[in-house]
């Protein structure tokens, strides 16, 4: 049985041997990038593009899901594509990611930024944030109690019969690998 080296000793041993372990933040950024690739490469409705060097601190996400924008007469109209930039601040993961839509999305929790604070926790994965924003765009998820856009919140109260705008189940369409176990009775 191999001896397990305690984490503090492993760091010292790596330093003596000339190896440098990544900081916890860099390790988290790397893990987030890996998880985003696993879940969204080939996704039919979400395209995640890293911006800058690896591991990325910024992503451009293209959502091909229905959402609402306001037309020139300030009437909600359906749009089929939204681009969101997701930036990870220097305090990430303790600080929440900062999300901004390139379009003026008509939604109670979209304004100058996308309000993800209602469900952010450092334990939450970045991939889940991407999925949550996709649900928000489709009006499957919204908070009218503390809105960034009070007009959209009021519209939601008056138009619940039109919600959600989109019905894509983004979670079931992720590219997470599946593992099947074949019993020995089914053959070799």
Protein backbone atom coordinates (compact mmCIF):
# COMPACT_ATOMS: atom_id res chain seq x y z
CA UNK A 1 0.00 0.00 0.00
CA UNK A 2 1.47 3.37 -1.04
CA UNK A 3 1.91 6.03 1.62
CA UNK A 4 -0.26 9.11 1.24
CA UNK A 5 1.59 12.40 1.45
CA UNK A 6 -0.30 15.06 3.42
CA UNK A 7 -1.16 18.12 1.25
CA UNK A 8 1.25 20.47 3.06
CA UNK A 9 4.09 17.98 2.58
CA UNK A 10 3.19 17.52 -1.08
CA UNK A 11 3.51 21.29 -1.60
CA UNK A 12 6.90 21.35 0.08
CA UNK A 13 8.08 18.33 -1.89
CA UNK A 14 6.91 19.89 -5.17
CA UNK A 15 8.71 23.14 -4.32
CA UNK A 16 11.96 21.25 -3.55
CA UNK A 17 11.72 19.39 -6.85
CA UNK A 18 11.20 22.64 -8.76
CA UNK A 19 7.50 22.15 -9.46
CA UNK A 20 5.06 24.92 -8.77
CA UNK A 21 1.51 23.97 -7.90
CA UNK A 22 -1.19 26.25 -9.29
CA UNK A 23 -2.92 28.65 -6.93
CA UNK A 24 -6.42 27.64 -5.81
CA UNK A 25 -7.87 30.31 -8.14
CA UNK A 26 -5.95 29.04 -11.18
CA UNK A 27 -6.96 25.47 -10.31
CA UNK A 28 -10.62 26.57 -10.14
CA UNK A 29 -10.39 28.47 -13.44
CA UNK A 30 -8.84 25.41 -15.09
CA UNK A 31 -11.51 23.12 -13.68
CA UNK A 32 -14.28 25.52 -14.79
CA UNK A 33 -12.86 25.59 -18.32
CA UNK A 34 -12.70 21.79 -18.44
CA UNK A 35 -16.27 21.45 -17.15
CA UNK A 36 -17.59 24.03 -19.63
CA UNK A 37 -15.97 22.11 -22.51
CA UNK A 38 -17.38 18.79 -21.29
CA UNK A 39 -20.91 20.13 -20.91
CA UNK A 40 -21.25 22.49 -23.87
CA UNK A 41 -19.04 21.32 -26.73
CA UNK A 42 -21.66 20.30 -29.28
CA UNK A 43 -24.63 21.64 -27.29
CA UNK A 44 -27.46 22.54 -29.69
CA UNK A 45 -28.45 25.80 -27.94
CA UNK A 46 -25.40 27.05 -26.02
CA UNK A 47 -21.99 27.86 -27.50
CA UNK A 48 -19.26 28.82 -24.99
CA UNK A 49 -16.19 30.62 -26.36
CA UNK A 50 -13.24 31.40 -24.04
CA UNK A 51 -11.80 34.90 -24.42
CA UNK A 52 -8.10 35.50 -23.78
CA UNK A 53 -5.48 33.16 -22.40
CA UNK A 54 -6.03 29.77 -20.79
CA UNK A 55 -7.37 29.26 -18.25
CA UNK A 56 -9.92 31.90 -19.26
CA UNK A 57 -11.21 34.63 -16.97
CA UNK A 58 -13.82 35.66 -19.54
CA UNK A 59 -16.25 33.79 -21.79
CA UNK A 60 -18.58 34.81 -24.56
CA UNK A 61 -21.69 32.66 -24.51
CA UNK A 62 -24.08 32.47 -27.43
CA UNK A 63 -27.56 31.30 -26.47
CA UNK A 64 -29.76 30.09 -29.30
CA UNK A 65 -32.95 30.17 -27.24
CA UNK A 66 -36.01 32.43 -27.42
CA UNK A 67 -36.02 35.49 -25.19
CA UNK A 68 -37.65 38.90 -25.17
CA UNK A 69 -36.29 42.22 -26.40
CA UNK A 70 -38.21 45.48 -26.74
CA UNK A 71 -39.06 46.67 -30.23
CA UNK A 72 -38.85 50.40 -31.17
CA UNK A 73 -42.41 50.88 -29.81
CA UNK A 74 -41.34 49.35 -26.44
CA UNK A 75 -43.31 46.15 -27.01
CA UNK A 76 -41.81 42.79 -26.05
CA UNK A 77 -40.75 40.81 -29.09
CA UNK A 78 -39.14 37.38 -29.33
CA UNK A 79 -35.47 37.10 -30.29
CA UNK A 80 -33.83 33.74 -31.00
CA UNK A 81 -30.20 34.58 -30.15
CA UNK A 82 -28.54 36.35 -27.23
CA UNK A 83 -24.85 36.89 -26.52
CA UNK A 84 -23.69 37.16 -22.91
CA UNK A 85 -20.18 37.93 -21.68
CA UNK A 86 -19.30 36.20 -18.43
CA UNK A 87 -16.32 37.67 -16.55
CA UNK A 88 -14.66 36.08 -13.53
CA UNK A 89 -13.35 38.80 -11.18
CA UNK A 90 -10.02 38.56 -9.32
CA UNK A 91 -11.91 37.50 -6.18
CA UNK A 92 -13.60 34.59 -7.96
CA UNK A 93 -14.86 32.12 -6.77
CA UNK A 94 -15.65 33.99 -3.55
CA UNK A 95 -16.95 36.87 -5.68
CA UNK A 96 -19.71 36.01 -8.10
CA UNK A 97 -19.14 36.03 -11.86
CA UNK A 98 -20.24 39.19 -13.67
CA UNK A 99 -22.57 38.62 -16.62
CA UNK A 100 -23.57 41.23 -19.21
CA UNK A 101 -25.88 40.74 -22.18
CA UNK A 102 -24.90 42.34 -25.50
CA UNK A 103 -28.61 42.95 -26.19
CA UNK A 104 -31.09 44.82 -23.99
CA UNK A 105 -32.96 41.72 -22.81
CA UNK A 106 -36.44 42.38 -21.45
CA UNK A 107 -36.41 40.42 -18.19
CA UNK A 108 -36.81 41.34 -14.50
CA UNK A 109 -33.26 40.22 -13.69
CA UNK A 110 -31.47 41.79 -16.66
CA UNK A 111 -30.35 45.41 -16.68
CA UNK A 112 -26.84 46.80 -17.00
CA UNK A 113 -25.83 43.30 -15.88
CA UNK A 114 -27.46 39.92 -15.31
CA UNK A 115 -28.46 39.42 -11.69
CA UNK A 116 -27.17 35.99 -10.71
CA UNK A 117 -26.76 36.82 -7.02
CA UNK A 118 -30.05 35.18 -6.09
CA UNK A 119 -28.51 31.78 -6.76
CA UNK A 120 -24.71 32.29 -6.63
CA UNK A 121 -22.54 30.32 -4.22
CA UNK A 122 -18.80 29.58 -4.55
CA UNK A 123 -19.72 25.90 -4.47
CA UNK A 124 -21.84 26.31 -7.60
CA UNK A 125 -20.21 25.40 -10.88
CA UNK A 126 -19.74 27.91 -13.66
CA UNK A 127 -21.49 25.47 -16.01
CA UNK A 128 -24.59 25.66 -13.83
CA UNK A 129 -24.47 29.49 -14.01
CA UNK A 130 -24.40 29.23 -17.81
CA UNK A 131 -27.45 26.95 -17.70
CA UNK A 132 -29.25 29.23 -15.22
CA UNK A 133 -28.79 32.24 -17.52
CA UNK A 134 -30.21 30.14 -20.37
CA UNK A 135 -33.27 29.41 -18.25
CA UNK A 136 -33.58 33.09 -17.36
CA UNK A 137 -33.46 34.09 -21.03
CA UNK A 138 -36.38 31.75 -21.71
CA UNK A 139 -38.29 33.10 -18.70
CA UNK A 140 -38.21 29.67 -17.06
CA UNK A 141 -36.53 31.36 -14.10
CA UNK A 142 -37.06 34.91 -12.87
CA UNK A 143 -37.36 36.88 -9.64
CA UNK A 144 -39.94 39.66 -9.49
CA UNK A 145 -39.30 40.36 -5.78
CA UNK A 146 -36.02 42.24 -6.32
CA UNK A 147 -35.94 43.10 -10.03
CA UNK A 148 -33.35 45.08 -11.95
CA UNK A 149 -36.09 45.90 -14.45
CA UNK A 150 -39.35 46.79 -12.68
CA UNK A 151 -41.22 47.20 -15.99
CA UNK A 152 -40.35 43.61 -16.97
CA UNK A 153 -41.36 42.39 -13.50
CA UNK A 154 -44.72 44.14 -13.84
CA UNK A 155 -45.15 42.66 -17.34
CA UNK A 156 -44.42 39.18 -15.94
CA UNK A 157 -47.15 39.54 -13.30
CA UNK A 158 -49.68 40.60 -15.94
CA UNK A 159 -48.64 38.02 -18.55
CA UNK A 160 -47.98 34.79 -16.67
CA UNK A 161 -50.12 32.97 -19.28
CA UNK A 162 -47.39 33.70 -21.88
CA UNK A 163 -44.55 32.29 -19.79
CA UNK A 164 -42.15 30.68 -20.23
CA UNK A 165 -41.09 32.17 -23.56
CA UNK A 166 -38.94 29.14 -24.39
CA UNK A 167 -39.31 25.53 -23.40
CA UNK A 168 -35.86 24.13 -24.12
CA UNK A 169 -34.58 21.83 -21.38
CA UNK A 170 -30.96 22.95 -21.50
CA UNK A 171 -29.88 20.58 -18.71
CA UNK A 172 -30.89 17.40 -20.56
CA UNK A 173 -29.06 18.55 -23.69
CA UNK A 174 -25.64 18.97 -22.12
CA UNK A 175 -22.81 16.88 -23.43
CA UNK A 176 -21.94 15.17 -20.17
CA UNK A 177 -20.45 11.78 -20.95
CA UNK A 178 -22.55 8.81 -19.94
CA UNK A 179 -21.17 5.54 -18.70
CA UNK A 180 -22.97 2.26 -19.21
CA UNK A 181 -22.00 -0.86 -17.36
CA UNK A 182 -22.38 -4.09 -19.25
CA UNK A 183 -23.02 -7.12 -17.13
CA UNK A 184 -20.90 -10.20 -17.72
CA UNK A 185 -24.06 -12.09 -18.72
CA UNK A 186 -24.46 -9.86 -21.82
CA UNK A 187 -21.23 -11.15 -23.28
CA UNK A 188 -17.69 -9.96 -23.54
